Amino acid sequence: MSASEFRRLLEAAPTAAELEEVAARIGAVDLIQDFQVKMNCERVVMLEKYARVLNQ
């Protein structure tokens, strides 16, 4: 992995909109305030972003 790819991965922090999108997709919109659900949504967004960067 190149330095620029690694930098893009570090900048891949999920936005609030992305977290809400994942929560909606998994049917957890009312639960997004729950810490564990939020962490799970963040992991999903990060993995999606990693996959996008690594597949380019």
Protein backbone atom coordinates (compact mmCIF):
# COMPACT_ATOMS: atom_id res chain seq x y z
CA MET A 1 0.00 0.00 0.00
CA SER A 2 1.37 3.39 -0.97
CA ALA A 3 1.62 6.36 1.37
CA SER A 4 -1.15 8.20 -0.46
CA GLU A 5 -3.47 5.18 -0.18
CA PHE A 6 -2.70 4.93 3.52
CA ARG A 7 -3.39 8.66 3.96
CA ARG A 8 -6.77 8.26 2.23
CA LEU A 9 -7.60 5.40 4.57
CA LEU A 10 -6.80 7.55 7.60
CA GLU A 11 -9.06 10.31 6.25
CA ALA A 12 -11.93 7.85 5.87
CA ALA A 13 -13.71 8.79 9.09
CA PRO A 14 -17.45 8.34 8.60
CA THR A 15 -19.73 11.35 8.46
CA ALA A 16 -22.96 11.63 10.41
CA ALA A 17 -24.89 11.19 7.15
CA GLU A 18 -23.05 7.94 6.39
CA LEU A 19 -23.79 6.62 9.88
CA GLU A 20 -27.47 7.46 9.46
CA GLU A 21 -27.49 5.72 6.06
CA VAL A 22 -26.06 2.53 7.55
CA ALA A 23 -28.46 2.71 10.48
CA ALA A 24 -31.37 3.04 8.07
CA ARG A 25 -30.08 0.14 5.99
CA ILE A 26 -29.93 -2.17 9.00
CA GLY A 27 -33.16 -0.88 10.53
CA ALA A 28 -31.55 0.76 13.53
CA VAL A 29 -32.43 4.43 13.00
CA ASP A 30 -33.97 4.78 16.48
CA LEU A 31 -30.97 3.01 18.02
CA ILE A 32 -28.22 5.17 16.45
CA GLN A 33 -27.86 6.99 19.79
CA ASP A 34 -26.88 3.69 21.40
CA PHE A 35 -23.07 3.62 21.63
CA GLN A 36 -22.61 0.02 20.47
CA VAL A 37 -24.89 0.47 17.46
CA LYS A 38 -23.05 3.66 16.52
CA MET A 39 -19.70 1.85 16.75
CA ASN A 40 -21.01 -0.97 14.55
CA CYS A 41 -22.24 1.54 11.96
CA GLU A 42 -18.86 3.28 12.00
CA ARG A 43 -17.13 -0.04 11.35
CA VAL A 44 -19.39 -0.74 8.37
CA VAL A 45 -18.68 2.69 6.86
CA MET A 46 -14.94 2.31 7.41
CA LEU A 47 -14.87 -1.13 5.79
CA GLU A 48 -16.84 0.16 2.81
CA LYS A 49 -14.40 3.05 2.39
CA TYR A 50 -11.37 0.77 2.74
CA ALA A 51 -12.78 -1.54 0.09
CA ARG A 52 -13.38 1.40 -2.26
CA VAL A 53 -9.84 2.72 -1.84
CA LEU A 54 -8.18 -0.68 -2.19
CA ASN A 55 -10.20 -1.59 -5.30
CA GLN A 56 -9.12 1.54 -7.20
